[in-house]
N, C-alpha and C. Protein backbone atom coordinates (compact mmCIF):
# COMPACT_ATOMS: atom_id res chain seq x y z
N MET A 1 -27.91 10.55 7.44
CA MET A 1 -26.69 10.05 8.59
C MET A 1 -27.06 11.07 9.23
N LYS A 2 -26.63 11.35 10.30
CA LYS A 2 -26.70 12.27 11.24
C LYS A 2 -24.91 13.10 11.31
N ALA A 3 -25.01 14.30 10.97
CA ALA A 3 -23.34 14.65 11.65
C ALA A 3 -23.38 15.51 12.86
N MET A 4 -22.37 16.09 13.39
CA MET A 4 -21.89 16.42 14.37
C MET A 4 -20.88 17.38 13.80
N VAL A 5 -21.18 18.47 13.27
CA VAL A 5 -19.54 19.37 12.63
C VAL A 5 -19.55 19.91 13.86
N LEU A 6 -18.12 19.96 14.37
CA LEU A 6 -17.73 20.16 15.56
C LEU A 6 -16.60 21.95 14.88
N TYR A 7 -16.94 22.46 15.17
CA TYR A 7 -16.05 24.01 14.23
C TYR A 7 -15.79 24.98 15.52
N ALA A 8 -14.19 25.24 15.44
CA ALA A 8 -13.32 26.14 16.39
C ALA A 8 -12.84 27.41 15.66
N HIS A 9 -13.44 27.97 15.29
CA HIS A 9 -12.21 29.54 14.86
C HIS A 9 -13.27 30.33 15.01
N PRO A 10 -12.65 31.26 16.01
CA PRO A 10 -13.43 32.50 16.24
C PRO A 10 -13.74 33.57 15.22
N CYS A 11 -13.21 33.67 13.87
CA CYS A 11 -13.37 34.65 12.71
C CYS A 11 -14.00 34.29 12.05
N PRO A 12 -15.40 34.91 11.37
CA PRO A 12 -15.85 34.31 10.04
C PRO A 12 -15.29 34.69 8.97
N GLU A 13 -14.22 35.27 9.02
CA GLU A 13 -13.83 35.86 7.58
C GLU A 13 -12.34 34.76 7.50
N SER A 14 -12.32 34.21 8.20
CA SER A 14 -10.99 32.79 8.14
C SER A 14 -11.52 32.16 7.23
N PHE A 15 -9.65 31.55 6.45
CA PHE A 15 -10.81 30.34 5.88
C PHE A 15 -10.70 29.15 6.46
N ASN A 16 -10.68 28.86 7.64
CA ASN A 16 -11.47 27.58 8.51
C ASN A 16 -12.77 28.29 8.12
N ALA A 17 -13.08 29.58 8.22
CA ALA A 17 -14.62 29.99 7.91
C ALA A 17 -15.34 29.18 6.78
N ALA A 18 -14.72 29.25 5.76
CA ALA A 18 -15.00 28.85 4.43
C ALA A 18 -15.04 27.40 4.09
N VAL A 19 -13.93 26.49 4.92
CA VAL A 19 -14.02 25.11 4.97
C VAL A 19 -14.83 24.58 5.67
N HIS A 20 -15.66 25.18 7.12
CA HIS A 20 -16.77 24.89 7.51
C HIS A 20 -17.98 25.14 7.12
N GLU A 21 -18.30 26.17 6.16
CA GLU A 21 -19.25 26.09 5.62
C GLU A 21 -19.43 25.16 4.33
N THR A 22 -18.00 24.81 3.38
CA THR A 22 -17.82 23.92 2.65
C THR A 22 -18.33 22.53 2.97
N VAL A 23 -18.14 22.06 4.19
CA VAL A 23 -18.49 20.95 4.76
C VAL A 23 -20.22 21.10 5.30
N VAL A 24 -20.29 21.90 5.92
CA VAL A 24 -22.10 21.84 6.30
C VAL A 24 -22.52 21.94 4.79
N SER A 25 -22.49 22.46 4.16
CA SER A 25 -23.61 23.03 3.00
C SER A 25 -23.11 21.52 1.73
N THR A 26 -22.09 20.81 1.54
CA THR A 26 -21.98 19.72 0.91
C THR A 26 -22.70 18.81 1.69
N LEU A 27 -22.65 18.36 2.81
CA LEU A 27 -23.40 17.62 3.51
C LEU A 27 -24.80 17.67 3.86
N LYS A 28 -25.56 18.96 3.97
CA LYS A 28 -26.93 19.05 3.56
C LYS A 28 -27.21 18.99 2.44
N GLY A 29 -26.17 19.23 1.42
CA GLY A 29 -26.71 18.86 -0.28
C GLY A 29 -27.06 17.33 -0.23
N ARG A 30 -26.56 16.75 0.06
CA ARG A 30 -26.36 15.15 0.06
C ARG A 30 -27.58 14.64 1.16
N GLY A 31 -28.21 15.65 1.77
CA GLY A 31 -29.61 15.36 2.60
C GLY A 31 -29.13 14.89 4.05
N TRP A 32 -27.87 14.75 4.60
CA TRP A 32 -27.57 14.71 5.67
C TRP A 32 -28.10 15.43 6.58
N GLU A 33 -28.63 15.33 7.89
CA GLU A 33 -29.13 16.08 9.35
C GLU A 33 -27.72 16.40 10.15
N VAL A 34 -27.41 17.67 9.89
CA VAL A 34 -26.63 18.35 10.38
C VAL A 34 -26.49 19.62 11.73
N ASP A 35 -25.62 18.73 12.74
CA ASP A 35 -25.85 19.47 13.93
C ASP A 35 -24.37 20.47 13.88
N ASP A 36 -24.62 21.64 13.44
CA ASP A 36 -23.40 22.34 13.12
C ASP A 36 -23.30 22.83 14.48
N CYS A 37 -22.20 22.63 15.38
CA CYS A 37 -21.89 23.25 16.38
C CYS A 37 -20.66 23.84 16.64
N ASP A 38 -21.29 25.65 16.40
CA ASP A 38 -20.07 26.57 16.51
C ASP A 38 -19.30 27.04 17.88
N LEU A 39 -18.42 26.15 18.68
CA LEU A 39 -18.17 26.55 19.72
C LEU A 39 -17.72 27.56 20.29
N ASN A 40 -17.66 28.89 18.93
CA ASN A 40 -16.97 30.00 19.86
C ASN A 40 -18.56 30.77 19.65
N ALA A 41 -19.33 30.81 18.20
CA ALA A 41 -20.84 31.22 18.53
C ALA A 41 -21.18 30.74 19.66
N GLU A 42 -21.33 29.51 19.82
CA GLU A 42 -22.68 28.98 21.28
C GLU A 42 -21.73 29.40 22.62
N GLY A 43 -21.17 30.03 22.49
CA GLY A 43 -20.14 30.31 23.87
C GLY A 43 -19.47 29.47 24.50
N PHE A 44 -19.55 28.47 24.24
CA PHE A 44 -19.05 27.36 24.90
C PHE A 44 -17.76 27.41 25.53
N MET A 45 -17.57 27.44 26.93
CA MET A 45 -16.75 27.40 28.17
C MET A 45 -15.62 26.25 28.18
N PRO A 46 -14.58 27.04 27.75
CA PRO A 46 -13.71 25.43 27.70
C PRO A 46 -13.10 24.99 28.89
N VAL A 47 -13.40 25.84 30.17
CA VAL A 47 -12.37 25.69 31.50
C VAL A 47 -12.85 24.58 32.03
N LEU A 48 -12.48 23.32 32.25
CA LEU A 48 -12.58 22.33 33.09
C LEU A 48 -12.16 22.85 34.60
N THR A 49 -13.61 23.12 35.35
CA THR A 49 -13.78 23.57 36.31
C THR A 49 -12.98 22.83 37.40
N GLU A 50 -12.32 23.18 38.72
CA GLU A 50 -12.09 22.36 39.85
C GLU A 50 -13.03 21.39 40.56
N LEU A 51 -14.61 21.59 40.14
CA LEU A 51 -15.49 20.93 40.40
C LEU A 51 -15.84 19.98 39.66
N GLU A 52 -15.73 20.65 38.18
CA GLU A 52 -16.10 19.21 37.36
C GLU A 52 -14.68 18.63 37.73
N ARG A 53 -13.63 18.91 37.74
CA ARG A 53 -12.36 17.87 37.89
C ARG A 53 -12.44 16.89 38.89
N ARG A 54 -13.16 17.07 39.89
CA ARG A 54 -13.31 16.87 41.51
C ARG A 54 -14.51 15.48 40.72
N GLY A 55 -15.66 15.80 40.25
CA GLY A 55 -16.49 15.02 40.21
C GLY A 55 -16.23 14.30 38.57
N TYR A 56 -15.31 14.35 37.94
CA TYR A 56 -15.11 13.74 36.73
C TYR A 56 -15.28 12.40 36.29
N HIS A 57 -14.89 11.81 37.32
CA HIS A 57 -15.58 9.62 37.59
C HIS A 57 -16.78 9.94 37.88
N ASP A 58 -17.28 10.16 38.41
CA ASP A 58 -18.98 10.45 39.48
C ASP A 58 -19.68 10.40 38.21
N GLN A 59 -20.34 9.27 37.75
CA GLN A 59 -21.19 9.01 36.98
C GLN A 59 -22.76 8.71 37.24
N PRO A 60 -23.26 9.82 36.85
CA PRO A 60 -24.02 10.23 35.58
C PRO A 60 -23.44 12.17 36.03
N VAL A 61 -23.11 11.86 37.09
CA VAL A 61 -23.21 13.16 37.42
C VAL A 61 -22.14 14.06 37.16
N ASN A 62 -21.32 13.80 36.52
CA ASN A 62 -20.35 14.47 35.56
C ASN A 62 -20.64 15.07 34.47
N ILE A 63 -21.65 14.80 33.87
CA ILE A 63 -22.26 15.03 32.82
C ILE A 63 -23.20 16.14 32.86
N GLU A 64 -23.51 16.43 33.73
CA GLU A 64 -24.71 17.82 34.08
C GLU A 64 -23.97 19.11 33.90
N PRO A 65 -23.03 19.29 34.05
CA PRO A 65 -22.84 20.68 33.52
C PRO A 65 -22.68 20.71 31.63
N VAL A 66 -22.63 19.55 30.83
CA VAL A 66 -22.56 19.59 29.58
C VAL A 66 -23.29 18.80 28.76
N ALA A 67 -24.31 18.51 30.06
CA ALA A 67 -25.08 17.72 29.15
C ALA A 67 -25.77 18.08 27.64
N GLU A 68 -26.17 19.27 27.26
CA GLU A 68 -26.70 19.74 26.38
C GLU A 68 -25.69 18.99 25.11
N TYR A 69 -24.34 18.96 25.00
CA TYR A 69 -23.64 18.73 24.27
C TYR A 69 -23.30 16.86 24.07
N VAL A 70 -23.28 16.50 25.37
CA VAL A 70 -23.40 14.85 25.55
C VAL A 70 -24.32 14.32 24.45
N ASP A 71 -25.65 15.06 24.74
CA ASP A 71 -27.29 14.53 24.24
C ASP A 71 -26.52 14.64 22.73
N ARG A 72 -26.51 16.07 22.33
CA ARG A 72 -25.90 16.16 20.70
C ARG A 72 -25.11 14.91 20.18
N ILE A 73 -23.46 15.03 21.04
CA ILE A 73 -22.59 14.22 20.49
C ILE A 73 -23.02 12.74 20.63
N ARG A 74 -23.76 12.13 21.45
CA ARG A 74 -24.62 10.56 21.44
C ARG A 74 -25.47 10.65 20.18
N LYS A 75 -25.86 11.69 19.60
CA LYS A 75 -27.10 11.06 18.57
C LYS A 75 -26.70 11.73 17.11
N ALA A 76 -25.03 11.66 17.12
CA ALA A 76 -24.20 11.80 15.86
C ALA A 76 -24.04 10.24 15.36
N GLU A 77 -23.74 10.40 13.86
CA GLU A 77 -23.48 8.80 13.52
C GLU A 77 -22.13 9.31 13.33
N ALA A 78 -21.99 10.65 12.60
CA ALA A 78 -20.39 10.72 12.24
C ALA A 78 -20.16 12.35 12.92
N LEU A 79 -18.45 12.41 12.92
CA LEU A 79 -17.96 13.59 13.72
C LEU A 79 -16.96 14.35 13.18
N ILE A 80 -17.58 15.42 12.60
CA ILE A 80 -16.50 15.97 11.43
C ILE A 80 -15.89 17.03 12.46
N MET A 81 -14.60 17.29 12.56
CA MET A 81 -14.04 18.32 13.75
C MET A 81 -13.12 19.23 12.49
N VAL A 82 -13.66 20.90 12.79
CA VAL A 82 -12.93 21.93 11.51
C VAL A 82 -12.78 23.20 12.20
N PHE A 83 -10.88 22.87 12.17
CA PHE A 83 -10.51 23.47 13.12
C PHE A 83 -8.60 24.15 12.62
N PRO A 84 -8.21 25.07 13.31
CA PRO A 84 -7.04 25.45 12.81
C PRO A 84 -5.88 24.83 13.74
N VAL A 85 -4.99 24.44 13.20
CA VAL A 85 -3.26 24.26 14.29
C VAL A 85 -3.01 25.09 14.92
N TRP A 86 -3.10 25.55 16.04
CA TRP A 86 -2.36 26.62 16.77
C TRP A 86 -1.22 26.20 17.61
N ASN A 87 -0.04 26.45 17.02
CA ASN A 87 1.19 26.23 18.50
C ASN A 87 0.91 24.49 18.67
N PHE A 88 0.95 24.01 17.40
CA PHE A 88 0.88 22.53 17.02
C PHE A 88 -0.10 22.08 18.01
N GLY A 89 -1.16 22.47 18.20
CA GLY A 89 -2.49 21.90 19.09
C GLY A 89 -3.88 22.13 18.26
N TYR A 90 -4.57 22.04 19.40
CA TYR A 90 -6.39 22.53 18.99
C TYR A 90 -6.23 23.86 19.79
N PRO A 91 -6.95 24.87 19.15
CA PRO A 91 -7.37 25.76 19.87
C PRO A 91 -8.32 25.37 20.81
N ALA A 92 -7.77 26.39 21.87
CA ALA A 92 -8.44 26.06 23.35
C ALA A 92 -9.70 25.71 23.44
N ILE A 93 -10.51 26.39 22.67
CA ILE A 93 -11.93 25.77 22.26
C ILE A 93 -12.36 24.22 22.47
N LEU A 94 -11.36 23.93 21.78
CA LEU A 94 -12.01 22.52 21.02
C LEU A 94 -11.13 21.99 22.08
N LYS A 95 -10.00 21.69 22.40
CA LYS A 95 -9.62 21.28 23.48
C LYS A 95 -10.30 21.41 24.74
N GLY A 96 -10.70 22.29 25.41
CA GLY A 96 -11.58 22.70 26.09
C GLY A 96 -13.17 21.28 25.77
N PHE A 97 -13.52 21.51 24.83
CA PHE A 97 -14.75 20.54 24.70
C PHE A 97 -14.40 19.03 24.82
N LEU A 98 -13.14 18.91 24.59
CA LEU A 98 -13.00 17.24 24.62
C LEU A 98 -12.51 17.17 26.07
N ASP A 99 -11.49 18.18 26.62
CA ASP A 99 -11.75 17.73 28.02
C ASP A 99 -13.38 17.96 29.00
N ARG A 100 -14.44 18.16 28.36
CA ARG A 100 -15.20 18.83 29.55
C ARG A 100 -16.46 17.54 29.01
N VAL A 101 -16.37 17.08 27.33
CA VAL A 101 -17.82 16.70 27.18
C VAL A 101 -16.86 14.87 27.06
N PHE A 102 -15.90 14.59 26.69
CA PHE A 102 -15.75 13.52 26.31
C PHE A 102 -15.06 12.74 27.87
N LEU A 103 -16.11 13.04 28.45
CA LEU A 103 -16.25 11.77 29.91
C LEU A 103 -15.99 10.49 29.83
N PRO A 104 -15.50 9.92 31.10
CA PRO A 104 -15.94 8.56 31.35
C PRO A 104 -17.77 8.23 31.35
N GLY A 105 -17.54 7.76 30.57
CA GLY A 105 -19.71 7.24 30.60
C GLY A 105 -19.80 7.63 29.20
N VAL A 106 -19.35 8.79 28.58
CA VAL A 106 -19.39 9.69 27.43
C VAL A 106 -18.54 9.02 26.23
N SER A 107 -17.61 9.57 26.64
CA SER A 107 -16.67 8.95 25.39
C SER A 107 -15.78 7.54 25.35
N PHE A 108 -15.97 7.22 26.77
CA PHE A 108 -14.84 5.83 27.00
C PHE A 108 -15.96 5.34 28.32
N ALA A 109 -15.44 3.91 28.58
CA ALA A 109 -15.91 3.09 30.16
C ALA A 109 -14.56 2.78 30.32
N LEU A 110 -14.67 3.15 31.69
CA LEU A 110 -13.43 2.68 32.37
C LEU A 110 -13.56 1.35 32.90
N GLY A 111 -12.54 0.07 32.85
CA GLY A 111 -13.04 -1.20 33.31
C GLY A 111 -12.53 -1.18 34.64
N ASP A 112 -13.02 -2.61 35.27
CA ASP A 112 -12.14 -2.62 36.40
C ASP A 112 -10.57 -2.76 36.44
N ASP A 113 -10.58 -3.15 35.12
CA ASP A 113 -8.84 -3.25 35.09
C ASP A 113 -7.98 -2.13 34.78
N GLY A 114 -9.12 -0.98 34.52
CA GLY A 114 -8.23 0.67 34.33
C GLY A 114 -8.11 0.17 32.61
N LYS A 115 -8.62 -0.36 31.79
CA LYS A 115 -8.61 -0.40 30.70
C LYS A 115 -9.57 0.58 30.09
N VAL A 116 -9.27 1.55 28.97
CA VAL A 116 -10.37 2.32 28.56
C VAL A 116 -11.28 1.68 27.04
N ARG A 117 -12.15 1.61 27.19
CA ARG A 117 -12.89 0.69 26.40
C ARG A 117 -14.08 2.06 25.14
N PRO A 118 -13.92 1.82 24.08
CA PRO A 118 -14.34 2.52 23.87
C PRO A 118 -16.21 3.07 23.99
N ASN A 119 -16.47 4.13 23.77
CA ASN A 119 -18.25 4.54 24.45
C ASN A 119 -18.72 4.90 23.51
N LEU A 120 -18.30 5.62 22.45
CA LEU A 120 -18.77 6.44 21.36
C LEU A 120 -19.08 5.68 20.30
N ARG A 121 -19.34 4.76 19.92
CA ARG A 121 -19.62 3.42 19.10
C ARG A 121 -20.56 4.26 17.96
N ASN A 122 -21.33 4.58 18.42
CA ASN A 122 -22.22 5.58 17.34
C ASN A 122 -22.04 6.48 16.27
N ILE A 123 -20.27 7.46 16.42
CA ILE A 123 -20.02 7.65 15.12
C ILE A 123 -19.23 6.62 14.55
N ARG A 124 -19.79 6.45 13.42
CA ARG A 124 -19.31 5.66 12.34
C ARG A 124 -18.20 6.21 11.32
N LYS A 125 -18.19 7.92 11.34
CA LYS A 125 -17.17 8.25 10.47
C LYS A 125 -16.76 9.36 11.42
N LEU A 126 -15.34 9.67 10.90
CA LEU A 126 -14.49 10.71 11.99
C LEU A 126 -14.01 11.34 10.93
N VAL A 127 -13.96 12.52 10.92
CA VAL A 127 -13.00 13.64 10.12
C VAL A 127 -12.59 14.88 10.66
N ALA A 128 -11.60 15.12 10.18
CA ALA A 128 -10.72 16.38 10.99
C ALA A 128 -10.36 17.54 9.47
N CYS A 129 -10.60 18.15 9.54
CA CYS A 129 -10.85 19.49 8.31
C CYS A 129 -9.79 20.74 9.12
N THR A 130 -8.37 20.62 8.73
CA THR A 130 -7.48 21.54 9.48
C THR A 130 -6.34 22.04 9.02
N THR A 131 -6.10 23.34 8.90
CA THR A 131 -5.31 24.25 8.48
C THR A 131 -3.57 24.35 9.87
N TYR A 132 -2.52 24.07 8.85
CA TYR A 132 -1.34 24.60 9.86
C TYR A 132 -0.62 25.63 8.73
N GLY A 133 -0.12 26.72 9.91
CA GLY A 133 0.32 27.43 9.40
C GLY A 133 2.14 27.35 8.62
N GLY A 134 2.47 26.47 8.89
CA GLY A 134 4.02 25.85 8.73
C GLY A 134 4.01 24.32 7.84
N LYS A 135 4.90 24.18 6.97
CA LYS A 135 4.72 22.86 5.76
C LYS A 135 4.42 21.86 7.22
N ARG A 136 4.48 20.77 6.12
CA ARG A 136 4.42 19.91 6.67
C ARG A 136 5.36 18.93 7.48
N THR A 137 6.20 19.14 6.70
CA THR A 137 8.07 18.71 7.48
C THR A 137 7.72 19.33 8.73
N ARG A 138 7.42 20.21 8.69
CA ARG A 138 7.61 21.12 10.61
C ARG A 138 7.11 20.24 11.25
N ALA A 139 5.80 20.05 11.30
CA ALA A 139 4.71 19.43 11.78
C ALA A 139 4.87 17.93 11.99
N MET A 140 5.43 17.26 11.18
CA MET A 140 6.09 16.14 11.54
C MET A 140 7.44 15.81 12.47
N LEU A 141 8.39 17.11 12.45
CA LEU A 141 9.51 17.34 13.47
C LEU A 141 8.74 17.37 14.75
N VAL A 142 8.02 17.53 14.93
CA VAL A 142 7.03 17.97 16.35
C VAL A 142 6.56 16.77 16.55
N GLY A 143 6.25 15.74 15.70
CA GLY A 143 5.41 14.83 15.90
C GLY A 143 3.72 14.78 15.56
N ASP A 144 3.31 15.83 15.07
CA ASP A 144 2.08 16.41 14.72
C ASP A 144 0.90 15.71 15.48
N PRO A 145 0.68 16.62 17.09
CA PRO A 145 0.31 15.85 18.00
C PRO A 145 -1.43 16.20 17.10
N PRO A 146 -1.90 17.07 16.73
CA PRO A 146 -3.42 17.08 16.67
C PRO A 146 -3.55 15.90 15.53
N ARG A 147 -3.05 15.79 14.50
CA ARG A 147 -2.95 14.63 13.63
C ARG A 147 -3.21 13.15 14.60
N LYS A 148 -2.38 12.86 15.87
CA LYS A 148 -2.56 11.86 16.32
C LYS A 148 -3.57 12.03 17.37
N CYS A 149 -3.73 12.94 18.10
CA CYS A 149 -4.95 13.07 18.66
C CYS A 149 -6.25 12.93 18.17
N VAL A 150 -6.38 13.06 17.12
CA VAL A 150 -7.56 12.63 16.07
C VAL A 150 -7.74 11.55 15.96
N THR A 151 -6.67 10.92 14.75
CA THR A 151 -6.56 9.35 14.52
C THR A 151 -6.19 8.20 15.52
N ARG A 152 -6.03 8.98 16.31
CA ARG A 152 -5.08 7.70 17.71
C ARG A 152 -6.28 8.02 18.95
N ALA A 153 -6.38 9.17 19.41
CA ALA A 153 -7.31 9.45 20.67
C ALA A 153 -9.17 9.55 20.74
N VAL A 154 -8.98 9.88 19.69
CA VAL A 154 -10.70 10.56 19.10
C VAL A 154 -10.69 9.07 18.69
N TRP A 155 -9.98 8.57 17.55
CA TRP A 155 -10.51 7.11 17.21
C TRP A 155 -10.49 6.29 18.08
N HIS A 156 -9.88 6.15 18.92
CA HIS A 156 -9.65 5.12 19.61
C HIS A 156 -11.35 5.01 20.80
N VAL A 157 -12.03 6.10 20.72
CA VAL A 157 -13.10 6.05 21.45
C VAL A 157 -14.30 5.94 20.83
N CYS A 158 -14.03 6.22 19.58
CA CYS A 158 -15.20 5.97 18.36
C CYS A 158 -15.27 4.68 17.86
N ARG A 159 -14.54 4.42 17.42
CA ARG A 159 -13.85 3.06 16.44
C ARG A 159 -14.71 3.16 15.38
N PRO A 160 -14.67 4.50 14.35
CA PRO A 160 -15.41 4.44 13.05
C PRO A 160 -15.09 3.33 12.42
N ASP A 161 -15.75 3.44 11.35
CA ASP A 161 -15.49 2.83 10.01
C ASP A 161 -14.48 3.26 9.08
N LYS A 162 -14.76 4.39 9.33
CA LYS A 162 -13.86 5.59 8.24
C LYS A 162 -13.15 6.67 9.11
N THR A 163 -12.47 7.29 8.34
CA THR A 163 -11.59 8.06 9.48
C THR A 163 -10.38 8.70 8.34
N ARG A 164 -11.01 10.24 8.17
CA ARG A 164 -10.31 10.86 7.08
C ARG A 164 -9.33 12.33 8.04
N TYR A 165 -8.00 12.20 7.83
CA TYR A 165 -7.52 13.84 8.19
C TYR A 165 -7.46 14.46 7.09
N ILE A 166 -7.62 15.35 6.51
CA ILE A 166 -7.67 16.44 5.77
C ILE A 166 -6.56 17.94 6.15
N ALA A 167 -5.84 18.10 5.55
CA ALA A 167 -4.95 19.03 6.05
C ALA A 167 -4.21 19.82 5.03
N LEU A 168 -4.64 20.88 5.20
CA LEU A 168 -3.50 21.68 4.11
C LEU A 168 -2.38 22.84 5.22
N TYR A 169 -1.20 22.33 4.54
CA TYR A 169 -0.27 22.67 4.95
C TYR A 169 -0.03 24.41 4.69
N ASP A 170 0.99 24.96 5.53
CA ASP A 170 1.76 25.90 4.88
C ASP A 170 0.83 27.20 4.33
N MET A 171 -0.21 27.67 5.40
CA MET A 171 -1.47 28.42 5.03
C MET A 171 -0.42 29.85 4.96
N ASN A 172 0.53 30.15 5.83
CA ASN A 172 1.19 31.54 5.73
C ASN A 172 2.03 31.66 4.22
N ASN A 173 1.74 30.42 3.59
CA ASN A 173 2.14 31.00 2.12
C ASN A 173 1.65 30.23 0.80
N ASN A 174 0.73 29.92 1.32
CA ASN A 174 -1.03 29.54 0.25
C ASN A 174 -1.51 30.59 -0.29
N LYS A 175 -1.94 30.71 -1.62
CA LYS A 175 -2.08 31.67 -2.55
C LYS A 175 -3.56 31.30 -2.84
N GLU A 176 -4.78 31.92 -3.60
CA GLU A 176 -5.72 31.21 -3.99
C GLU A 176 -5.95 30.31 -4.53
N PRO A 177 -4.68 29.89 -5.78
CA PRO A 177 -4.93 28.28 -6.10
C PRO A 177 -5.16 27.18 -5.17
N GLN A 178 -4.34 27.24 -4.43
CA GLN A 178 -4.36 26.54 -3.17
C GLN A 178 -5.12 26.57 -2.38
N LEU A 179 -5.88 27.23 -2.14
CA LEU A 179 -6.71 27.54 -1.16
C LEU A 179 -8.23 26.99 -1.45
N LYS A 180 -8.48 27.41 -3.21
CA LYS A 180 -9.64 26.64 -4.00
C LYS A 180 -9.43 25.39 -4.09
N ALA A 181 -7.92 25.10 -4.21
CA ALA A 181 -7.89 23.45 -4.47
C ALA A 181 -8.37 22.51 -3.06
N HIS A 182 -8.15 23.05 -1.85
CA HIS A 182 -8.48 22.55 -0.82
C HIS A 182 -9.65 22.18 -0.43
N LEU A 183 -10.49 24.05 -0.90
CA LEU A 183 -11.74 23.56 -0.68
C LEU A 183 -11.98 22.47 -1.61
N ALA A 184 -11.97 22.46 -2.77
CA ALA A 184 -12.37 21.28 -3.47
C ALA A 184 -12.22 20.09 -3.08
N ARG A 185 -11.19 19.66 -2.68
CA ARG A 185 -10.64 18.59 -1.70
C ARG A 185 -12.09 18.44 -1.01
N VAL A 186 -12.18 19.37 0.05
CA VAL A 186 -13.02 18.93 0.99
C VAL A 186 -14.13 18.59 0.48
N LYS A 187 -14.65 19.28 -0.73
CA LYS A 187 -16.08 19.16 -0.88
C LYS A 187 -16.38 17.29 -1.47
N ARG A 188 -14.97 16.96 -2.42
CA ARG A 188 -15.37 15.79 -2.33
C ARG A 188 -15.06 15.21 -1.46
N GLU A 189 -14.02 14.80 -0.30
CA GLU A 189 -14.06 14.22 0.63
C GLU A 189 -15.63 14.11 1.36
N MET A 190 -16.48 15.22 1.73
CA MET A 190 -17.59 15.33 2.30
C MET A 190 -18.86 14.39 0.71
N GLU A 191 -18.40 14.66 -0.34
CA GLU A 191 -19.08 13.73 -1.23
C GLU A 191 -19.14 12.43 -1.03
N ALA A 192 -18.25 12.07 -0.67
CA ALA A 192 -17.28 10.58 -0.83
C ALA A 192 -17.98 9.87 0.68
N LEU A 193 -17.93 10.60 2.04
CA LEU A 193 -18.52 9.88 3.10
C LEU A 193 -19.74 9.19 2.93
C-alpha cells in the first residue's frame, strides 16, 4: 500500500509532531510506502491566487501550479491527514492545500448537471489524526466543522472503503497519561488500517 501522510503543524516539538511520527513509523514498519508530505517543511504556499481562481475550472491548465502535489495524491491508496484543530477549523496551510490541490479534474468531476462526482477513487483509506484544545462538547456545540469536512467533503471525493477520525480533545488539560494513551491508539489504528 502507498500512503500520503498530509502533515500540517509548524512546530517540530508539538504533540502533533509525535502523532505524525507515530503514523509514519507505524506504516513504514508494516511495509507501506509512505509519501510524507510535511506542508510546512516543504514550504507549501496555501494561498489560492487570483490567477489560479480565475483558471480554477480550466482543465488541465488548473493543475500546473500544483502539479507535483496532484501527482503525489493520485499515486496514493491511503490519505492520512495529521493536523491540529485551530479556531474550529484546519490550519491555514492544510485548508490551502485542499483549496489549491482538490481541483476540478483532480478530486472531483463536475457533471453537465452541476453535480460533483468523486474523482480520487484511488484513495481506499481515509484517516484524520487531530487534536482539539477544548472538550468534545465544545466542538459539538459549534458543529465540529473539521470532523464534518473530513468525513463528508473529503470522504465524498474519495469514497474510501475505510474512514477513521481519530481525535484527542481537551489538549489544554491533557497530561502525560492521556497523551501516551492517544499515541498508543494512533499506533493501533495504523496497524489495523
